[in-house]
Amino acid sequence: METQKENPITGREGSPIKLDVAANWTKNYRDKHPGETISQFFGKEILGKILAQENCLGIRFYYAHDKPLGSWQRFIVSVSNFILKVIGNIDGEKHLIITGVISDGNDQLSEKGPEEVAAAPTPGLMAVAAMANTIGEQSSPCPGSPGCPKNVLTGGN
């Protein structure tokens, strides 16, 4: 008898995050990576196309770079990472924060936390507005989480 393998991806991954936590984490990133890109924007058309694909349960965001490092550069990066983590005691988990964006380019931010949004009365415009201003964080970083693929984007071919 064949046992059915449980799919580690459900479509319910991700969780709301409070604005102050998201702001602190993005500041930490900017402090550790000065002068680097601090955010990416994807329009709803491409997100909708991806989400509309048959059996699609969400979107995974990858960190990527358009130019490869040479062997000497890889060595320097390894040494600098060692110095930062071991000698400088600079460590922490990298996060990708996602938020809705409105037509003028501004992020949809609300000072209300996830608990306040959940406690908002169901009927009424305020509850709908509060729900529209959800900020998200990565819930399943790869590698390290169930369901991480091994393909050309992950270096696993």
N, C-alpha and C. Protein backbone atom coordinates (compact mmCIF):
# COMPACT_ATOMS: atom_id res chain seq x y z
N MET A 1 0.83 -1.18 0.00
CA MET A 1 0.00 0.00 0.00
C MET A 1 0.88 1.24 0.00
N GLU A 2 0.55 2.19 -0.85
CA GLU A 2 1.32 3.42 -0.99
C GLU A 2 0.83 4.45 0.01
N THR A 3 1.78 5.05 0.75
CA THR A 3 1.40 6.11 1.68
C THR A 3 1.50 7.44 0.96
N GLN A 4 0.57 8.33 1.25
CA GLN A 4 0.54 9.63 0.60
C GLN A 4 1.50 10.57 1.30
N LYS A 5 2.40 11.18 0.55
CA LYS A 5 3.36 12.13 1.08
C LYS A 5 2.65 13.46 1.33
N GLU A 6 2.79 13.98 2.54
CA GLU A 6 2.16 15.25 2.87
C GLU A 6 2.95 16.40 2.25
N ASN A 7 2.25 17.30 1.59
CA ASN A 7 2.88 18.44 0.96
C ASN A 7 3.28 19.45 2.04
N PRO A 8 4.58 19.83 2.10
CA PRO A 8 4.99 20.78 3.13
C PRO A 8 4.51 22.21 2.86
N ILE A 9 4.07 22.51 1.65
CA ILE A 9 3.57 23.83 1.30
C ILE A 9 2.05 23.78 1.31
N THR A 10 1.42 24.67 2.08
CA THR A 10 -0.04 24.64 2.22
C THR A 10 -0.74 25.85 1.62
N GLY A 11 0.00 26.95 1.41
CA GLY A 11 -0.64 28.18 0.97
C GLY A 11 -1.00 29.08 2.15
N ARG A 12 -0.77 28.58 3.36
CA ARG A 12 -1.06 29.37 4.56
C ARG A 12 0.22 29.90 5.22
N GLU A 13 1.36 29.73 4.56
CA GLU A 13 2.63 30.19 5.12
C GLU A 13 2.65 31.71 5.21
N GLY A 14 3.41 32.22 6.13
CA GLY A 14 3.52 33.67 6.32
C GLY A 14 2.68 34.10 7.49
N SER A 15 3.05 35.22 8.05
CA SER A 15 2.29 35.74 9.19
C SER A 15 2.44 37.25 9.23
N PRO A 16 1.44 37.92 9.80
CA PRO A 16 1.56 39.37 9.95
C PRO A 16 2.70 39.72 10.92
N ILE A 17 3.22 40.90 10.77
CA ILE A 17 4.30 41.38 11.63
C ILE A 17 3.98 42.83 11.98
N LYS A 18 4.29 43.25 13.18
CA LYS A 18 4.03 44.62 13.60
C LYS A 18 4.96 45.57 12.86
N LEU A 19 4.46 46.78 12.59
CA LEU A 19 5.23 47.78 11.85
C LEU A 19 6.54 48.10 12.55
N ASP A 20 6.54 48.25 13.89
CA ASP A 20 7.78 48.61 14.57
C ASP A 20 8.83 47.50 14.46
N VAL A 21 8.42 46.25 14.47
CA VAL A 21 9.36 45.14 14.31
C VAL A 21 9.91 45.15 12.88
N ALA A 22 9.02 45.30 11.89
CA ALA A 22 9.46 45.34 10.50
C ALA A 22 10.42 46.52 10.27
N ALA A 23 10.11 47.66 10.86
CA ALA A 23 10.96 48.85 10.70
C ALA A 23 12.34 48.61 11.33
N ASN A 24 12.38 47.98 12.49
CA ASN A 24 13.66 47.69 13.14
C ASN A 24 14.48 46.71 12.32
N TRP A 25 13.82 45.66 11.79
CA TRP A 25 14.55 44.67 11.01
C TRP A 25 15.09 45.26 9.72
N THR A 26 14.29 46.10 9.03
CA THR A 26 14.78 46.70 7.79
C THR A 26 15.91 47.69 8.08
N LYS A 27 15.84 48.38 9.23
CA LYS A 27 16.94 49.27 9.62
C LYS A 27 18.22 48.46 9.87
N ASN A 28 18.07 47.34 10.57
CA ASN A 28 19.23 46.47 10.81
C ASN A 28 19.87 46.05 9.50
N TYR A 29 19.04 45.70 8.52
CA TYR A 29 19.56 45.31 7.21
C TYR A 29 20.30 46.47 6.56
N ARG A 30 19.70 47.66 6.58
CA ARG A 30 20.35 48.82 5.96
C ARG A 30 21.66 49.15 6.66
N ASP A 31 21.70 49.01 7.98
CA ASP A 31 22.94 49.26 8.73
C ASP A 31 24.03 48.27 8.35
N LYS A 32 23.65 47.01 8.09
CA LYS A 32 24.63 45.98 7.76
C LYS A 32 25.00 45.98 6.28
N HIS A 33 24.17 46.60 5.43
CA HIS A 33 24.41 46.61 3.98
C HIS A 33 24.25 48.02 3.43
N PRO A 34 25.07 48.97 3.89
CA PRO A 34 24.91 50.35 3.43
C PRO A 34 25.11 50.48 1.93
N GLY A 35 24.26 51.28 1.31
CA GLY A 35 24.38 51.54 -0.12
C GLY A 35 23.78 50.46 -1.00
N GLU A 36 23.28 49.36 -0.43
CA GLU A 36 22.69 48.29 -1.23
C GLU A 36 21.21 48.52 -1.43
N THR A 37 20.62 47.81 -2.38
CA THR A 37 19.18 47.85 -2.60
C THR A 37 18.48 47.45 -1.32
N ILE A 38 17.45 48.21 -0.94
CA ILE A 38 16.76 47.91 0.32
C ILE A 38 15.36 47.35 0.12
N SER A 39 14.83 47.37 -1.09
CA SER A 39 13.52 46.79 -1.32
C SER A 39 13.34 46.50 -2.80
N GLN A 40 12.32 45.71 -3.10
CA GLN A 40 11.96 45.39 -4.47
C GLN A 40 10.46 45.56 -4.59
N PHE A 41 9.99 45.99 -5.74
CA PHE A 41 8.56 46.12 -5.97
C PHE A 41 8.17 45.25 -7.15
N PHE A 42 7.09 44.49 -6.99
CA PHE A 42 6.51 43.72 -8.07
C PHE A 42 5.07 44.18 -8.23
N GLY A 43 4.66 44.47 -9.46
CA GLY A 43 3.29 44.88 -9.73
C GLY A 43 2.31 43.74 -9.58
N LYS A 44 1.05 44.10 -9.33
CA LYS A 44 0.04 43.07 -9.10
C LYS A 44 -0.21 42.23 -10.35
N GLU A 45 0.08 42.76 -11.54
CA GLU A 45 -0.14 41.99 -12.75
C GLU A 45 0.73 40.74 -12.78
N ILE A 46 2.04 40.90 -12.53
CA ILE A 46 2.93 39.73 -12.56
C ILE A 46 2.66 38.84 -11.36
N LEU A 47 2.37 39.43 -10.19
CA LEU A 47 2.04 38.61 -9.02
C LEU A 47 0.76 37.81 -9.27
N GLY A 48 -0.23 38.46 -9.88
CA GLY A 48 -1.48 37.78 -10.20
C GLY A 48 -1.27 36.66 -11.18
N LYS A 49 -0.41 36.89 -12.19
CA LYS A 49 -0.14 35.84 -13.18
C LYS A 49 0.52 34.64 -12.51
N ILE A 50 1.46 34.92 -11.62
CA ILE A 50 2.13 33.83 -10.92
C ILE A 50 1.14 33.08 -10.04
N LEU A 51 0.34 33.82 -9.26
CA LEU A 51 -0.62 33.20 -8.35
C LEU A 51 -1.75 32.48 -9.08
N ALA A 52 -2.05 32.91 -10.32
CA ALA A 52 -3.14 32.29 -11.08
C ALA A 52 -2.72 30.97 -11.73
N GLN A 53 -1.44 30.64 -11.69
CA GLN A 53 -0.99 29.38 -12.28
C GLN A 53 -1.64 28.21 -11.53
N GLU A 54 -1.98 27.19 -12.28
CA GLU A 54 -2.61 26.02 -11.68
C GLU A 54 -1.74 25.47 -10.54
N ASN A 55 -2.35 25.22 -9.40
CA ASN A 55 -1.74 24.64 -8.21
C ASN A 55 -0.77 25.57 -7.48
N CYS A 56 -0.67 26.82 -7.87
CA CYS A 56 0.21 27.76 -7.18
C CYS A 56 -0.40 28.11 -5.82
N LEU A 57 0.40 28.02 -4.75
CA LEU A 57 -0.08 28.29 -3.40
C LEU A 57 0.54 29.52 -2.78
N GLY A 58 1.38 30.23 -3.49
CA GLY A 58 2.03 31.42 -2.94
C GLY A 58 3.20 31.83 -3.81
N ILE A 59 4.00 32.71 -3.29
CA ILE A 59 5.16 33.22 -4.03
C ILE A 59 6.38 33.11 -3.13
N ARG A 60 7.47 32.62 -3.67
CA ARG A 60 8.74 32.59 -2.95
C ARG A 60 9.61 33.69 -3.53
N PHE A 61 10.25 34.44 -2.67
CA PHE A 61 11.18 35.48 -3.10
C PHE A 61 12.60 34.97 -2.90
N TYR A 62 13.44 35.16 -3.90
CA TYR A 62 14.84 34.74 -3.82
C TYR A 62 15.73 35.97 -3.73
N TYR A 63 16.79 35.86 -2.96
CA TYR A 63 17.85 36.85 -3.01
C TYR A 63 18.73 36.46 -4.19
N ALA A 64 19.12 37.41 -5.00
CA ALA A 64 19.89 37.09 -6.20
C ALA A 64 20.87 38.22 -6.50
N HIS A 65 21.85 37.94 -7.31
CA HIS A 65 22.83 38.94 -7.73
C HIS A 65 23.16 38.70 -9.19
N ASP A 66 23.32 39.77 -9.97
CA ASP A 66 23.51 39.61 -11.41
C ASP A 66 24.95 39.39 -11.85
N LYS A 67 25.92 39.51 -10.94
CA LYS A 67 27.33 39.30 -11.31
C LYS A 67 27.96 38.29 -10.36
N PRO A 68 28.67 37.28 -10.91
CA PRO A 68 29.31 36.27 -10.05
C PRO A 68 30.59 36.80 -9.42
N LEU A 69 30.97 36.20 -8.30
CA LEU A 69 32.23 36.51 -7.65
C LEU A 69 33.32 35.60 -8.20
N GLY A 70 34.52 36.14 -8.35
CA GLY A 70 35.66 35.31 -8.70
C GLY A 70 36.14 34.56 -7.46
N SER A 71 37.07 33.65 -7.63
CA SER A 71 37.53 32.84 -6.49
C SER A 71 38.17 33.70 -5.41
N TRP A 72 38.95 34.68 -5.81
CA TRP A 72 39.58 35.57 -4.83
C TRP A 72 38.51 36.39 -4.09
N GLN A 73 37.51 36.86 -4.81
CA GLN A 73 36.42 37.61 -4.19
C GLN A 73 35.63 36.74 -3.21
N ARG A 74 35.39 35.47 -3.58
CA ARG A 74 34.69 34.55 -2.67
C ARG A 74 35.49 34.37 -1.38
N PHE A 75 36.82 34.28 -1.52
CA PHE A 75 37.68 34.15 -0.34
C PHE A 75 37.57 35.38 0.55
N ILE A 76 37.62 36.56 -0.03
CA ILE A 76 37.51 37.81 0.73
C ILE A 76 36.16 37.89 1.45
N VAL A 77 35.09 37.53 0.76
CA VAL A 77 33.76 37.54 1.36
C VAL A 77 33.70 36.55 2.53
N SER A 78 34.27 35.37 2.36
CA SER A 78 34.29 34.38 3.44
C SER A 78 35.05 34.90 4.65
N VAL A 79 36.21 35.52 4.42
CA VAL A 79 36.99 36.07 5.51
C VAL A 79 36.23 37.21 6.20
N SER A 80 35.63 38.09 5.41
CA SER A 80 34.90 39.22 6.01
C SER A 80 33.68 38.72 6.79
N ASN A 81 32.98 37.71 6.28
CA ASN A 81 31.85 37.14 7.03
C ASN A 81 32.33 36.52 8.34
N PHE A 82 33.47 35.83 8.30
CA PHE A 82 34.03 35.24 9.51
C PHE A 82 34.36 36.34 10.52
N ILE A 83 34.99 37.41 10.05
CA ILE A 83 35.35 38.52 10.94
C ILE A 83 34.10 39.14 11.54
N LEU A 84 33.09 39.39 10.72
CA LEU A 84 31.85 39.99 11.22
C LEU A 84 31.15 39.11 12.25
N LYS A 85 31.05 37.81 11.96
CA LYS A 85 30.30 36.91 12.83
C LYS A 85 31.08 36.51 14.08
N VAL A 86 32.35 36.13 13.92
CA VAL A 86 33.10 35.58 15.04
C VAL A 86 33.78 36.67 15.85
N ILE A 87 34.49 37.56 15.19
CA ILE A 87 35.23 38.59 15.92
C ILE A 87 34.32 39.77 16.26
N GLY A 88 33.52 40.23 15.31
CA GLY A 88 32.66 41.39 15.55
C GLY A 88 31.35 41.05 16.23
N ASN A 89 31.05 39.75 16.36
CA ASN A 89 29.80 39.29 16.97
C ASN A 89 28.58 39.92 16.31
N ILE A 90 28.68 40.13 14.99
CA ILE A 90 27.56 40.68 14.22
C ILE A 90 26.87 39.51 13.55
N ASP A 91 25.67 39.25 13.98
CA ASP A 91 24.95 38.09 13.46
C ASP A 91 23.47 38.41 13.44
N GLY A 92 22.69 37.53 12.97
CA GLY A 92 21.25 37.70 12.93
C GLY A 92 20.69 37.04 11.69
N GLU A 93 19.40 36.79 11.69
CA GLU A 93 18.74 36.14 10.58
C GLU A 93 18.27 37.18 9.57
N LYS A 94 18.51 36.93 8.30
CA LYS A 94 18.08 37.82 7.23
C LYS A 94 16.59 37.61 6.98
N HIS A 95 15.84 38.69 6.81
CA HIS A 95 14.41 38.61 6.57
C HIS A 95 14.06 39.38 5.30
N LEU A 96 12.99 39.01 4.68
CA LEU A 96 12.42 39.73 3.55
C LEU A 96 11.05 40.19 3.98
N ILE A 97 10.85 41.48 4.04
CA ILE A 97 9.59 42.06 4.47
C ILE A 97 8.78 42.40 3.22
N ILE A 98 7.49 42.03 3.20
CA ILE A 98 6.63 42.37 2.08
C ILE A 98 5.46 43.21 2.55
N THR A 99 5.04 44.12 1.70
CA THR A 99 3.91 44.99 2.03
C THR A 99 3.18 45.36 0.75
N GLY A 100 1.92 45.72 0.89
CA GLY A 100 1.18 46.23 -0.25
C GLY A 100 1.68 47.61 -0.63
N VAL A 101 1.49 47.98 -1.88
CA VAL A 101 1.92 49.29 -2.38
C VAL A 101 0.76 49.90 -3.13
N ILE A 102 0.53 51.21 -2.93
CA ILE A 102 -0.57 51.89 -3.61
C ILE A 102 -0.06 52.61 -4.85
N SER A 103 -0.97 53.17 -5.63
CA SER A 103 -0.64 53.70 -6.96
C SER A 103 0.39 54.82 -6.96
N ASP A 104 0.51 55.58 -5.87
CA ASP A 104 1.51 56.65 -5.85
C ASP A 104 2.89 56.15 -5.42
N GLY A 105 3.03 54.83 -5.22
CA GLY A 105 4.32 54.25 -4.87
C GLY A 105 4.53 54.10 -3.38
N ASN A 106 3.61 54.60 -2.56
CA ASN A 106 3.76 54.49 -1.11
C ASN A 106 3.34 53.11 -0.62
N ASP A 107 4.04 52.64 0.43
CA ASP A 107 3.68 51.37 1.05
C ASP A 107 2.38 51.53 1.83
N GLN A 108 1.62 50.46 1.90
CA GLN A 108 0.39 50.44 2.71
C GLN A 108 0.80 50.06 4.13
N LEU A 109 0.93 51.06 4.98
CA LEU A 109 1.37 50.85 6.35
C LEU A 109 0.29 51.28 7.32
N SER A 110 0.17 50.56 8.41
CA SER A 110 -0.78 50.88 9.45
C SER A 110 -0.07 50.73 10.78
N GLU A 111 -0.32 51.66 11.69
CA GLU A 111 0.28 51.57 13.01
C GLU A 111 -0.34 50.45 13.83
N LYS A 112 -1.48 49.91 13.35
CA LYS A 112 -2.14 48.83 14.07
C LYS A 112 -1.34 47.55 13.91
N GLY A 113 -1.22 46.79 15.00
CA GLY A 113 -0.55 45.50 14.95
C GLY A 113 -1.52 44.42 14.54
N PRO A 114 -1.01 43.20 14.27
CA PRO A 114 -1.87 42.08 13.87
C PRO A 114 -2.98 41.78 14.88
N GLU A 115 -2.68 41.96 16.19
CA GLU A 115 -3.69 41.69 17.21
C GLU A 115 -4.85 42.68 17.12
N GLU A 116 -4.52 43.96 16.86
CA GLU A 116 -5.56 44.98 16.75
C GLU A 116 -6.41 44.77 15.50
N VAL A 117 -5.77 44.34 14.41
CA VAL A 117 -6.51 44.07 13.18
C VAL A 117 -7.47 42.91 13.42
N ALA A 118 -6.97 41.86 14.10
CA ALA A 118 -7.82 40.69 14.38
C ALA A 118 -8.98 41.04 15.28
N ALA A 119 -8.78 42.01 16.19
CA ALA A 119 -9.82 42.39 17.14
C ALA A 119 -10.81 43.40 16.56
N ALA A 120 -10.52 43.94 15.37
CA ALA A 120 -11.41 44.93 14.76
C ALA A 120 -12.76 44.29 14.46
N PRO A 121 -13.83 45.06 14.59
CA PRO A 121 -15.14 44.50 14.30
C PRO A 121 -15.23 44.09 12.83
N THR A 122 -15.87 42.99 12.56
CA THR A 122 -15.97 42.49 11.19
C THR A 122 -16.66 43.46 10.26
N PRO A 123 -17.85 43.98 10.60
CA PRO A 123 -18.48 44.92 9.68
C PRO A 123 -17.80 46.30 9.79
N GLY A 124 -17.91 47.06 8.72
CA GLY A 124 -17.42 48.44 8.75
C GLY A 124 -16.16 48.63 7.96
N LEU A 125 -15.95 49.85 7.54
CA LEU A 125 -14.83 50.21 6.69
C LEU A 125 -13.50 50.10 7.42
N MET A 126 -13.45 50.42 8.71
CA MET A 126 -12.18 50.37 9.44
C MET A 126 -11.58 48.96 9.44
N ALA A 127 -12.41 47.96 9.62
CA ALA A 127 -11.91 46.58 9.61
C ALA A 127 -11.34 46.25 8.24
N VAL A 128 -12.00 46.66 7.17
CA VAL A 128 -11.51 46.40 5.81
C VAL A 128 -10.21 47.16 5.58
N ALA A 129 -10.14 48.43 6.01
CA ALA A 129 -8.92 49.23 5.83
C ALA A 129 -7.77 48.64 6.62
N ALA A 130 -8.03 48.18 7.84
CA ALA A 130 -6.97 47.60 8.65
C ALA A 130 -6.45 46.32 8.01
N MET A 131 -7.34 45.51 7.44
CA MET A 131 -6.92 44.27 6.79
C MET A 131 -6.08 44.56 5.56
N ALA A 132 -6.35 45.68 4.87
CA ALA A 132 -5.63 46.01 3.65
C ALA A 132 -4.20 46.44 3.93
N ASN A 133 -3.90 46.80 5.16
CA ASN A 133 -2.57 47.30 5.51
C ASN A 133 -1.72 46.27 6.23
N THR A 134 -1.74 45.04 5.79
CA THR A 134 -0.95 43.98 6.39
C THR A 134 0.47 44.02 5.86
N ILE A 135 1.42 43.90 6.77
CA ILE A 135 2.83 43.78 6.40
C ILE A 135 3.21 42.33 6.68
N GLY A 136 3.98 41.72 5.80
CA GLY A 136 4.36 40.32 5.99
C GLY A 136 5.85 40.15 6.06
N GLU A 137 6.24 39.06 6.65
CA GLU A 137 7.65 38.68 6.69
C GLU A 137 7.81 37.31 6.08
N GLN A 138 9.03 36.96 5.75
CA GLN A 138 9.25 35.62 5.21
C GLN A 138 8.92 34.62 6.29
N SER A 139 8.24 33.57 5.93
CA SER A 139 7.87 32.58 6.93
C SER A 139 8.69 31.31 6.81
N SER A 140 9.19 31.05 5.64
CA SER A 140 9.92 29.80 5.40
C SER A 140 11.18 30.08 4.59
N PRO A 141 12.26 30.52 5.25
CA PRO A 141 13.48 30.81 4.51
C PRO A 141 14.12 29.53 3.98
N CYS A 142 14.75 29.65 2.84
CA CYS A 142 15.47 28.52 2.25
C CYS A 142 16.94 28.90 2.11
N PRO A 143 17.83 27.98 2.42
CA PRO A 143 17.59 26.64 2.93
C PRO A 143 17.20 26.66 4.40
N GLY A 144 16.69 25.55 4.86
CA GLY A 144 16.39 25.40 6.27
C GLY A 144 14.95 25.14 6.61
N SER A 145 14.05 25.29 5.66
CA SER A 145 12.63 25.07 5.93
C SER A 145 12.11 23.91 5.10
N PRO A 146 11.04 23.27 5.57
CA PRO A 146 10.44 22.19 4.76
C PRO A 146 9.95 22.74 3.43
N GLY A 147 10.10 21.97 2.39
CA GLY A 147 9.60 22.36 1.08
C GLY A 147 10.56 23.20 0.27
N CYS A 148 11.79 23.40 0.74
CA CYS A 148 12.75 24.18 -0.05
C CYS A 148 13.17 23.38 -1.27
N PRO A 149 13.03 24.00 -2.45
CA PRO A 149 13.38 23.26 -3.67
C PRO A 149 14.88 23.17 -3.88
N LYS A 150 15.28 22.21 -4.65
CA LYS A 150 16.67 22.08 -5.10
C LYS A 150 16.63 22.24 -6.61
N ASN A 151 16.99 23.45 -7.07
CA ASN A 151 16.96 23.73 -8.51
C ASN A 151 18.00 24.77 -8.84
N VAL A 152 18.00 25.27 -10.05
CA VAL A 152 19.04 26.22 -10.48
C VAL A 152 18.98 27.53 -9.70
N LEU A 153 17.83 27.89 -9.16
CA LEU A 153 17.74 29.11 -8.38
C LEU A 153 18.32 28.95 -6.97
N THR A 154 18.37 27.73 -6.49
CA THR A 154 18.88 27.47 -5.14
C THR A 154 20.31 26.96 -5.16
N GLY A 155 20.85 26.71 -6.33
CA GLY A 155 22.19 26.16 -6.43
C GLY A 155 22.21 24.65 -6.32
N GLY A 156 21.03 24.03 -6.32
CA GLY A 156 20.94 22.58 -6.16
C GLY A 156 20.70 21.84 -7.46
N ASN A 157 20.70 22.54 -8.59
CA ASN A 157 20.42 21.97 -9.93
C ASN A 157 19.20 21.14 -9.86
